[in-house]
Every structure is written in C-alpha cells, then in structure tokens.
N, C-alpha and C. Protein backbone atom coordinates (compact mmCIF):
# COMPACT_ATOMS: atom_id res chain seq x y z
N MET A 1 217.63 201.08 74.45
CA MET A 1 217.79 200.02 74.78
C MET A 1 217.20 199.36 76.13
N LYS A 2 216.68 198.38 76.78
CA LYS A 2 215.97 198.15 77.84
C LYS A 2 216.84 198.27 78.87
N GLU A 3 216.20 198.65 80.18
CA GLU A 3 216.42 198.68 81.04
C GLU A 3 217.57 197.57 81.73
N GLU A 4 217.14 196.63 81.52
CA GLU A 4 217.57 195.25 81.95
C GLU A 4 218.76 195.18 81.42
N ILE A 5 218.58 194.94 79.96
CA ILE A 5 220.28 195.30 78.97
C ILE A 5 221.34 196.00 79.80
N LYS A 6 220.79 197.19 79.64
CA LYS A 6 221.10 198.01 80.16
C LYS A 6 222.39 198.08 81.47
N GLN A 7 221.18 197.27 82.44
CA GLN A 7 222.02 197.12 83.50
C GLN A 7 222.58 196.13 83.91
N GLN A 8 222.67 195.22 82.95
CA GLN A 8 223.46 193.96 82.79
C GLN A 8 224.84 194.21 82.09
N LEU A 9 224.59 195.28 81.13
CA LEU A 9 225.71 195.53 80.60
C LEU A 9 226.86 196.30 81.49
N GLU A 10 225.98 197.42 82.53
CA GLU A 10 226.53 198.39 83.26
C GLU A 10 227.38 197.26 84.38
N ASN A 11 226.42 195.85 84.93
CA ASN A 11 227.45 195.01 85.97
C ASN A 11 228.53 194.17 85.34
N LEU A 12 228.45 194.18 84.08
CA LEU A 12 229.42 193.38 83.14
C LEU A 12 231.10 194.37 83.20
N LEU A 13 230.37 195.69 82.94
CA LEU A 13 231.80 196.45 82.64
C LEU A 13 232.20 196.98 84.02
N LYS A 14 231.73 196.94 85.15
CA LYS A 14 231.75 197.08 86.65
C LYS A 14 232.76 196.17 86.63
N ALA A 15 232.38 194.79 86.53
CA ALA A 15 232.91 193.31 86.81
C ALA A 15 234.65 193.70 86.14
N HIS A 16 234.31 194.22 84.76
CA HIS A 16 235.70 194.19 84.06
C HIS A 16 236.49 194.67 84.37
N ASP A 17 235.99 196.28 84.82
CA ASP A 17 237.02 197.14 85.31
C ASP A 17 237.89 196.88 86.98
N THR A 18 236.95 196.25 87.58
CA THR A 18 237.26 195.37 88.56
C THR A 18 238.46 194.56 88.39
N MET A 19 238.13 193.46 87.55
CA MET A 19 239.18 192.61 87.34
C MET A 19 240.71 193.23 86.66
N LYS A 20 240.12 194.32 85.63
CA LYS A 20 241.40 194.94 85.47
C LYS A 20 242.11 196.04 86.51
N LYS A 21 241.78 196.41 87.38
CA LYS A 21 242.47 197.25 88.53
C LYS A 21 243.14 195.87 89.23
N GLN A 22 242.49 195.30 89.14
CA GLN A 22 243.20 193.86 90.25
C GLN A 22 244.35 193.08 89.52
N LYS A 23 244.74 193.09 88.05
CA LYS A 23 245.30 192.60 87.46
C LYS A 23 246.93 193.65 87.73
N SER A 24 246.18 194.82 87.36
CA SER A 24 247.44 195.99 87.54
C SER A 24 247.50 196.34 89.10
N ASP A 25 246.81 196.10 90.00
CA ASP A 25 247.59 196.24 91.42
C ASP A 25 248.51 195.11 91.48
N ALA A 26 248.04 193.57 91.22
CA ALA A 26 249.03 192.52 91.34
C ALA A 26 250.19 192.78 90.40
N ASP A 27 250.25 193.50 89.11
CA ASP A 27 251.59 193.42 88.08
C ASP A 27 252.28 194.50 88.91
N ALA A 28 251.81 195.37 89.55
CA ALA A 28 252.64 196.38 90.10
C ALA A 28 253.21 195.88 91.63
N LYS A 29 252.72 195.13 92.18
CA LYS A 29 253.31 194.42 93.54
C LYS A 29 254.30 193.63 93.10
N ARG A 30 254.09 192.89 91.79
CA ARG A 30 254.96 191.92 91.42
C ARG A 30 256.08 192.16 90.99
N LYS A 31 255.92 193.23 90.30
CA LYS A 31 256.96 194.54 89.85
C LYS A 31 257.83 194.83 90.97
N ALA A 32 257.54 195.46 92.14
CA ALA A 32 257.98 196.03 93.30
C ALA A 32 258.77 194.76 93.65
N GLU A 33 258.15 193.52 94.33
CA GLU A 33 258.65 192.24 94.72
C GLU A 33 259.97 192.11 93.72
N GLN A 34 260.28 192.11 92.54
CA GLN A 34 261.10 191.66 91.85
C GLN A 34 262.07 192.93 92.15
N GLU A 35 261.58 193.83 91.90
CA GLU A 35 262.82 195.26 91.68
C GLU A 35 263.64 194.75 93.53
N GLY A 36 262.79 194.27 94.57
CA GLY A 36 263.51 194.79 95.77
C GLY A 36 264.23 193.39 95.46
N PHE A 37 264.15 192.20 95.07
CA PHE A 37 264.77 190.82 94.98
C PHE A 37 265.90 191.62 94.49
N LEU A 38 266.12 192.16 93.07
CA LEU A 38 267.03 192.49 92.19
C LEU A 38 267.86 193.56 92.89
N LYS A 39 267.60 194.48 93.67
CA LYS A 39 268.51 195.46 94.35
C LYS A 39 269.08 194.57 95.64
N GLU A 40 268.36 193.33 96.37
CA GLU A 40 269.21 192.90 97.30
C GLU A 40 270.38 191.98 96.50
N PHE A 41 269.93 191.24 95.42
CA PHE A 41 270.94 190.81 94.70
C PHE A 41 272.24 191.83 94.38
N SER A 42 271.80 192.67 94.01
CA SER A 42 273.31 193.48 93.67
C SER A 42 273.84 193.87 94.87
N GLU A 43 273.43 194.15 96.11
CA GLU A 43 273.99 194.23 97.17
C GLU A 43 274.89 192.97 97.61
N THR A 44 274.20 191.77 97.64
CA THR A 44 274.39 190.54 97.89
C THR A 44 275.77 190.01 96.94
N LYS A 45 275.59 190.28 95.68
CA LYS A 45 276.77 190.18 94.64
C LYS A 45 278.32 190.86 94.87
N MET A 46 277.75 191.89 95.42
CA MET A 46 279.14 192.74 95.80
C MET A 46 279.60 192.36 97.27
N ALA A 47 278.89 192.14 98.16
CA ALA A 47 279.18 191.76 99.40
C ALA A 47 279.69 190.44 99.84
N VAL A 48 278.90 189.58 99.19
CA VAL A 48 279.12 187.90 99.49
C VAL A 48 279.85 187.44 98.20
N ILE A 49 278.69 187.26 97.11
CA ILE A 49 279.35 186.47 96.25
C ILE A 49 281.09 186.70 95.35
N GLU A 50 281.10 187.94 95.35
CA GLU A 50 282.43 188.58 94.90
C GLU A 50 283.38 188.38 95.78
N SER A 51 283.31 188.27 97.10
CA SER A 51 284.16 188.23 98.08
C SER A 51 284.73 186.57 98.05
N ALA A 52 283.38 185.73 97.81
CA ALA A 52 283.39 184.31 97.81
C ALA A 52 284.49 183.83 96.75
N MET A 53 284.19 184.84 95.75
CA MET A 53 285.09 184.07 93.89
C MET A 53 286.58 184.45 94.20
N ASN A 54 286.31 185.59 95.31
CA ASN A 54 288.03 186.07 95.26
C ASN A 54 288.78 185.15 96.16
N GLU A 55 288.22 184.71 97.49
CA GLU A 55 288.80 183.56 98.40
C GLU A 55 289.28 182.14 97.31
N MET A 56 288.09 182.32 96.71
CA MET A 56 288.28 180.81 95.72
C MET A 56 289.52 180.63 95.20
N GLY A 57 289.26 181.77 93.96
CA GLY A 57 290.31 182.29 93.47
C GLY A 57 291.52 181.96 93.81
N LYS A 58 291.75 182.79 95.05
CA LYS A 58 293.19 183.07 95.26
C LYS A 58 294.01 181.40 95.78
N GLU A 59 292.95 180.60 96.26
CA GLU A 59 293.29 179.11 96.48
C GLU A 59 293.56 178.57 95.23
N LEU A 60 292.80 179.02 94.35
CA LEU A 60 293.34 178.34 92.61
C LEU A 60 294.50 178.91 91.99
N GLN A 61 294.82 179.98 92.33
CA GLN A 61 295.93 180.58 92.12
C GLN A 61 297.20 179.99 92.64
N LYS A 62 297.14 179.59 93.95
CA LYS A 62 298.35 178.65 94.52
C LYS A 62 298.80 177.46 93.68
N HIS A 63 297.47 176.90 92.67
CA HIS A 63 297.75 175.35 91.91
C HIS A 63 298.23 175.86 90.58
N GLY A 64 298.42 177.20 90.41
CA GLY A 64 298.98 177.53 88.82
C GLY A 64 297.83 178.02 88.02
N TYR A 65 296.54 178.26 88.68
CA TYR A 65 295.55 178.81 87.89
C TYR A 65 295.37 180.26 88.04
N ASN A 66 294.61 180.81 87.03
CA ASN A 66 294.48 182.34 87.27
C ASN A 66 292.47 182.25 87.24
N TYR A 67 292.21 183.74 87.50
CA TYR A 67 290.90 183.44 87.73
C TYR A 67 290.65 185.30 87.42
N GLN A 68 289.57 185.44 86.71
CA GLN A 68 288.86 186.79 86.75
C GLN A 68 287.57 186.68 86.82
N ILE A 69 287.16 187.76 87.57
CA ILE A 69 285.67 188.31 88.23
C ILE A 69 284.90 188.99 87.17
N SER A 70 283.83 189.23 86.63
CA SER A 70 283.41 189.41 85.73
C SER A 70 281.78 190.13 86.19
N LYS A 71 281.45 191.30 86.38
CA LYS A 71 280.07 191.87 87.12
C LYS A 71 279.34 192.27 85.32
N THR A 72 278.08 191.84 85.43
CA THR A 72 277.00 192.60 84.46
C THR A 72 275.77 193.71 85.32
N GLY A 73 275.84 194.39 85.28
CA GLY A 73 274.41 194.97 85.71
C GLY A 73 273.24 195.13 85.17
N ARG A 74 272.19 195.22 85.73
CA ARG A 74 271.09 195.29 84.89
C ARG A 74 270.89 196.10 83.59
N ARG A 75 270.03 195.98 82.72
CA ARG A 75 270.00 197.18 81.83
C ARG A 75 268.77 197.22 81.78
N MET A 76 267.80 198.33 81.28
CA MET A 76 266.59 198.66 81.25
C MET A 76 266.14 198.77 79.96
N ASP A 77 265.10 198.20 79.35
CA ASP A 77 264.49 198.60 77.97
C ASP A 77 263.72 199.92 78.11
N PRO A 78 263.15 200.40 77.19
CA PRO A 78 262.49 201.87 77.15
C PRO A 78 260.89 201.72 78.10
N GLN A 79 260.49 200.84 78.16
CA GLN A 79 259.60 200.31 79.06
C GLN A 79 259.91 200.06 80.25
N GLY A 80 260.82 200.63 80.91
CA GLY A 80 261.45 200.37 82.07
C GLY A 80 261.73 198.99 82.70
N ASP A 81 261.59 197.79 81.86
CA ASP A 81 261.97 196.45 82.36
C ASP A 81 263.26 195.99 82.24
N SER A 82 263.79 195.13 82.80
CA SER A 82 265.21 194.51 83.03
C SER A 82 265.32 194.16 81.24
N SER A 83 266.13 194.42 80.42
CA SER A 83 266.33 193.47 79.35
C SER A 83 267.38 192.54 79.41
N GLU A 84 268.42 192.88 80.37
CA GLU A 84 269.56 192.48 80.83
C GLU A 84 269.72 191.69 82.25
N ALA A 85 269.76 190.64 82.74
CA ALA A 85 270.17 190.16 84.18
C ALA A 85 271.07 190.78 84.88
N ASP A 86 271.29 190.76 86.20
CA ASP A 86 272.11 191.26 86.58
C ASP A 86 273.23 189.89 86.93
N SER A 87 274.20 189.82 86.94
CA SER A 87 275.15 188.72 87.22
C SER A 87 276.45 189.03 87.46
N ILE A 88 277.19 187.85 88.11
CA ILE A 88 278.11 188.02 88.44
C ILE A 88 279.43 186.47 87.58
N SER A 89 280.10 186.69 87.37
CA SER A 89 281.05 185.43 87.01
C SER A 89 282.64 185.17 87.44
N MET A 90 282.86 184.22 87.14
CA MET A 90 284.32 183.78 88.04
C MET A 90 284.66 183.03 86.56
N ILE A 91 285.83 183.44 85.88
CA ILE A 91 286.73 182.62 84.80
C ILE A 91 287.83 182.29 85.35
N LEU A 92 287.94 180.55 84.92
CA LEU A 92 288.75 179.79 85.48
C LEU A 92 289.94 179.71 84.05
N ILE A 93 290.93 180.35 84.42
CA ILE A 93 292.01 180.75 83.56
C ILE A 93 292.96 179.63 83.70
N ASP A 94 293.52 178.68 82.89
CA ASP A 94 294.50 177.86 82.89
C ASP A 94 295.62 178.05 81.93
N PRO A 95 296.80 178.41 82.48
CA PRO A 95 297.43 179.12 81.63
C PRO A 95 298.57 178.14 80.93
N ASN A 96 298.26 176.96 80.80
CA ASN A 96 298.55 175.77 80.31
C ASN A 96 297.99 175.53 78.88
N LYS A 97 296.64 176.17 78.78
CA LYS A 97 295.83 175.87 77.64
C LYS A 97 295.80 177.44 76.96
N SER A 98 295.46 177.38 75.76
CA SER A 98 295.50 178.61 74.93
C SER A 98 294.03 178.10 74.13
N SER A 99 293.42 179.56 74.52
CA SER A 99 291.97 179.25 74.63
C SER A 99 291.49 180.46 74.31
N VAL A 100 290.47 180.86 73.62
CA VAL A 100 289.60 182.30 73.91
C VAL A 100 288.55 182.27 74.61
N ARG A 101 287.97 180.90 74.80
CA ARG A 101 286.76 180.84 75.35
C ARG A 101 286.76 179.82 76.79
N PHE A 102 287.04 180.55 78.16
CA PHE A 102 287.42 179.77 79.24
C PHE A 102 286.42 179.43 80.01
N PRO A 103 286.45 178.19 80.91
CA PRO A 103 285.10 177.82 81.74
C PRO A 103 284.97 179.00 82.86
N THR A 104 283.29 179.24 82.51
CA THR A 104 283.08 180.68 83.40
C THR A 104 282.06 179.77 84.27
N ILE A 105 281.85 180.23 85.59
CA ILE A 105 280.55 180.05 86.46
C ILE A 105 279.87 181.40 86.97
N VAL A 106 278.69 181.31 86.45
CA VAL A 106 277.53 182.66 86.49
C VAL A 106 276.70 182.72 87.20
N PHE A 107 276.48 183.32 88.12
CA PHE A 107 275.47 183.56 89.49
C PHE A 107 274.47 184.64 88.44
N THR A 108 273.57 184.46 88.60
CA THR A 108 272.58 185.51 87.88
C THR A 108 271.19 185.59 88.77
N ALA A 109 270.83 186.87 88.69
CA ALA A 109 269.70 186.96 89.39
C ALA A 109 268.13 186.72 88.49
N SER A 110 267.42 185.73 88.71
CA SER A 110 266.26 185.92 88.09
C SER A 110 265.28 186.64 88.99
N GLY A 111 264.88 187.87 88.59
CA GLY A 111 263.73 188.37 89.49
C GLY A 111 262.63 187.80 89.06
N PHE A 112 261.95 186.91 88.36
CA PHE A 112 261.09 186.05 87.52
C PHE A 112 260.62 185.08 88.70
N ALA A 113 262.00 184.52 89.15
CA ALA A 113 262.11 183.43 90.26
C ALA A 113 262.25 183.83 91.08
N LYS A 114 262.90 184.68 91.54
CA LYS A 114 263.25 185.41 92.42
C LYS A 114 263.86 184.38 93.42
N ALA A 115 265.06 184.17 92.71
CA ALA A 115 266.32 183.23 93.10
C ALA A 115 267.20 183.43 92.02
N VAL A 116 268.38 182.90 92.60
CA VAL A 116 270.04 183.10 92.04
C VAL A 116 270.18 181.91 90.87
N LEU A 117 270.56 181.80 89.96
CA LEU A 117 270.70 180.56 89.11
C LEU A 117 272.24 180.87 88.88
N VAL A 118 272.62 179.31 88.89
CA VAL A 118 273.87 178.84 88.51
C VAL A 118 274.26 178.29 87.44
N ARG A 119 275.00 178.56 86.46
CA ARG A 119 275.29 178.16 85.41
C ARG A 119 276.60 178.02 85.62
N GLY A 120 277.43 176.89 84.31
CA GLY A 120 278.68 177.12 83.76
C GLY A 120 278.50 177.54 82.16
N GLN A 121 279.47 178.18 81.81
CA GLN A 121 279.76 178.17 80.43
C GLN A 121 281.03 177.86 80.14
N ASN A 122 281.43 177.83 78.38
CA ASN A 122 282.62 177.12 78.10
C ASN A 122 283.16 176.09 78.71
N ILE A 123 282.39 175.44 79.29
CA ILE A 123 283.27 174.36 80.05
C ILE A 123 283.35 172.58 78.73
N GLU A 124 284.78 173.16 78.26
CA GLU A 124 284.94 172.36 77.43
C GLU A 124 285.79 170.71 77.65
N ASP A 125 285.01 170.21 78.27
CA ASP A 125 285.57 168.82 78.63
C ASP A 125 284.91 167.60 78.14
N ASP A 126 285.31 166.49 78.10
CA ASP A 126 284.68 165.37 77.48
C ASP A 126 283.45 164.94 78.83
N LEU A 127 284.09 165.04 79.78
CA LEU A 127 283.41 164.70 81.23
C LEU A 127 281.72 165.61 80.95
N ALA A 128 282.14 166.85 81.21
CA ALA A 128 281.13 167.73 80.93
C ALA A 128 280.11 167.43 79.77
N GLU A 129 280.84 167.42 78.57
CA GLU A 129 279.82 166.87 77.53
C GLU A 129 278.86 165.81 77.86
N SER A 130 279.37 164.50 78.68
CA SER A 130 278.78 163.50 78.81
C SER A 130 277.74 163.74 80.23
N PHE A 131 277.95 165.35 80.86
CA PHE A 131 276.89 165.30 81.79
C PHE A 131 275.80 166.69 81.03
N PHE A 132 276.14 167.43 80.15
CA PHE A 132 275.52 168.34 79.46
C PHE A 132 275.12 168.32 78.41
N GLY A 133 275.47 167.41 77.26
CA GLY A 133 275.30 167.13 76.16
C GLY A 133 276.14 168.42 75.19
N ARG A 134 275.50 168.47 74.03
CA ARG A 134 276.25 169.71 73.29
C ARG A 134 275.21 170.51 72.51
N ASN A 135 275.65 171.44 72.28
CA ASN A 135 274.50 173.01 72.04
C ASN A 135 274.31 172.68 70.28
N ILE A 136 273.59 173.39 69.93
CA ILE A 136 273.48 173.53 68.41
C ILE A 136 274.52 174.06 67.68
N GLU A 137 275.48 174.61 68.10
CA GLU A 137 276.71 174.97 67.34
C GLU A 137 277.75 173.44 67.64
N GLY A 138 277.58 172.82 68.43
CA GLY A 138 278.78 172.11 68.38
C GLY A 138 279.36 171.65 69.08
N GLY A 139 279.52 172.94 69.96
CA GLY A 139 280.22 173.27 71.36
C GLY A 139 279.53 172.66 72.85
N PRO A 140 280.26 172.92 73.62
CA PRO A 140 279.46 172.20 75.12
C PRO A 140 278.34 173.10 75.47
N ALA A 141 277.20 172.49 75.90
CA ALA A 141 275.61 172.79 76.44
C ALA A 141 276.47 173.85 77.49
N GLU A 142 275.29 174.61 77.77
CA GLU A 142 276.01 175.26 78.96
C GLU A 142 275.06 174.51 80.40
N SER A 143 276.03 174.56 81.16
CA SER A 143 275.63 173.75 82.58
C SER A 143 274.79 174.34 83.59
N ASN A 144 273.92 173.16 84.18
CA ASN A 144 273.30 173.80 84.61
C ASN A 144 273.45 173.66 86.51
N PHE A 145 273.90 174.36 87.48
CA PHE A 145 274.06 173.86 88.68
C PHE A 145 272.96 174.47 89.61
N GLY A 146 271.79 174.95 89.42
CA GLY A 146 270.83 175.25 90.16
C GLY A 146 270.69 175.84 90.37
N ARG A 147 269.87 176.60 91.39
CA ARG A 147 269.33 177.99 91.76
C ARG A 147 269.50 177.97 93.30
N VAL A 148 270.00 179.21 93.73
CA VAL A 148 269.94 179.28 94.99
C VAL A 148 268.97 180.37 95.65
N GLU A 149 268.42 180.36 96.70
CA GLU A 149 267.62 181.28 97.19
C GLU A 149 268.30 182.65 97.79
N LEU A 150 267.91 183.69 97.59
CA LEU A 150 269.05 184.80 97.93
C LEU A 150 269.20 184.80 99.30
N SER A 151 268.13 184.44 100.10
CA SER A 151 268.39 184.42 101.83
C SER A 151 269.49 183.15 101.57
N GLN A 152 269.85 182.33 101.02
CA GLN A 152 270.65 181.31 101.39
C GLN A 152 272.38 181.42 101.12
N ILE A 153 272.13 182.61 100.27
CA ILE A 153 273.41 183.25 99.86
C ILE A 153 274.32 183.31 100.81
N THR A 154 275.66 182.50 101.30
CA THR A 154 276.54 183.04 102.07
C THR A 154 277.93 182.72 101.21
N ASP A 155 279.26 182.94 102.11
CA ASP A 155 280.07 182.44 101.74
C ASP A 155 280.15 180.90 101.81
N ASP A 156 279.57 180.35 102.29
CA ASP A 156 279.94 178.81 102.19
C ASP A 156 279.05 178.52 101.08
N ALA A 157 277.85 178.91 101.12
CA ALA A 157 277.04 178.36 99.42
C ALA A 157 277.55 178.61 98.48
N VAL A 158 278.20 179.78 97.88
CA VAL A 158 279.00 180.26 96.76
C VAL A 158 280.24 179.32 96.81
N HIS A 159 280.98 179.09 97.55
CA HIS A 159 282.20 177.97 97.77
C HIS A 159 281.67 176.53 96.94
N ARG A 160 280.44 176.24 98.10
CA ARG A 160 279.89 174.84 97.32
C ARG A 160 279.75 174.69 96.13
N LYS A 161 279.05 176.06 95.81
CA LYS A 161 278.42 175.83 94.00
C LYS A 161 279.72 175.97 93.47
N LEU A 162 280.62 177.04 93.56
CA LEU A 162 281.91 177.10 92.93
C LEU A 162 282.73 175.56 92.75
N LEU A 163 282.76 174.66 93.48
CA LEU A 163 283.55 173.33 93.92
C LEU A 163 282.84 172.56 93.28
N GLU A 164 281.59 172.44 92.86
CA GLU A 164 280.56 171.83 92.22
C GLU A 164 281.04 171.78 90.65
N ALA A 165 281.12 173.08 90.40
CA ALA A 165 281.56 173.34 88.99
C ALA A 165 282.88 173.14 88.42
N LEU A 166 283.73 173.39 89.67
CA LEU A 166 285.40 172.47 89.35
C LEU A 166 285.77 171.28 89.21
N LYS A 167 284.78 170.77 89.96
CA LYS A 167 284.70 169.33 90.25
C LYS A 167 284.46 168.93 88.39
N ILE A 168 283.41 169.44 87.86
CA ILE A 168 283.08 169.23 86.10
C ILE A 168 284.44 169.86 85.67
N ILE A 169 284.58 171.16 85.56
CA ILE A 169 285.71 171.71 84.95
C ILE A 169 287.14 170.95 84.98
N LEU A 170 287.23 170.40 86.11
CA LEU A 170 288.46 170.19 86.47
C LEU A 170 288.65 168.70 86.23
N GLY A 171 287.59 167.82 85.64
CA GLY A 171 287.19 166.62 85.40
C GLY A 171 287.66 165.69 86.70
N THR A 172 287.24 165.94 87.65
CA THR A 172 287.48 165.05 88.78
C THR A 172 286.51 164.55 89.40
N ASN A 173 284.97 164.95 88.92
CA ASN A 173 283.67 164.07 89.26
C ASN A 173 283.27 162.97 88.24
N ARG A 174 284.07 161.99 88.63
CA ARG A 174 283.65 160.72 87.54
C ARG A 174 282.47 160.38 87.77
N THR A 175 281.86 160.39 89.03
CA THR A 175 280.60 159.68 89.49
C THR A 175 279.00 159.72 88.58
N GLY A 176 279.37 161.45 88.27
CA GLY A 176 278.04 161.83 87.66
C GLY A 176 277.39 162.68 88.81
N ARG A 177 276.26 163.36 88.09
CA ARG A 177 275.68 164.12 89.14
C ARG A 177 274.37 163.32 89.90
C-alpha cells in the first residue's frame, strides 16, 4: 500500500476512534446525569410529593372521598437501563361509584427529559373525554397535565397539579384548558 493511502487511513481511523470516545464519554455523562435526576426524584417523591398527596387526600376525605397512594420504583433491565419509570400515584375513590378503575393522578420521573411528567388515568368523565378524546379501546385517553422541573416540586406545586386534575375528574372545569 502506498504511504499516502496508509497515512490517510491512519488519520481516518484516529478520527473515528476520537469520535467513538467522545460519544462514549457523552453517553456516560448523560447516563450519570439521568441517574442523579432519578435518585433526586426518588427522594423528592417520598419527602414532598407523597406528603402533599396525603394532605390533599385528607381534605378530600372530609367531603366523602377516599384516596390511595401507590408508589412504583425503577426496574432495571439486564443492560442496567431503567425498564420502568419511578412514579407515585394518587387514586381517587368515590365510595358512591362502583368501579374497578378509579381516576388516578400520576407523577412520573422522566430521566430522558429530566422532568416530572404529570398525567391522569381512568378519567371516565364526559367532560374529560371532550378534553382528551378516547383511546383505541374506546376508554378515555390518558390525560396530560404537563411537566414540572424537579427543582420546582414543592407542596404548593403538587397541590396545584392535583387541583388541576381534580377539576377535570370532578367535572367542574367547564371552561376547558
């Protein structure tokens, strides 16, 4: 092989190795940031979100509703990546309705977005249907109540998100979103 070709090949391979190392370093940094975010969410879930949900739940109980809080931890796949998100849910139970699917407000950590996603599930209200449509099985579509930066999670922020969802669930938000 000519020396000129050999040199060009060497330069190409060095550039490729440098690019692979940069990508590997960026991936490691991103993964470390995601892990830090998810660890912080786990702590915030217990210290702030659960407390705020309990506080709101106690107020709901004064008006005849029950509630339940459910927590899900992260699960890892064999490669060490999260296969299930860390989340906390507040289930609203109306004792006057018989249902196996109760309205649920879920706060989920998104390591990719580095934000907390807030959504509703099982919101069986005609009003909610007009906001969110129907899913492919004919049930109400999952409601999206937005995202909150982890640094912005306070008792007040959680209460506001819960109240936003409850307006839809209880059918009192007649003006739309």
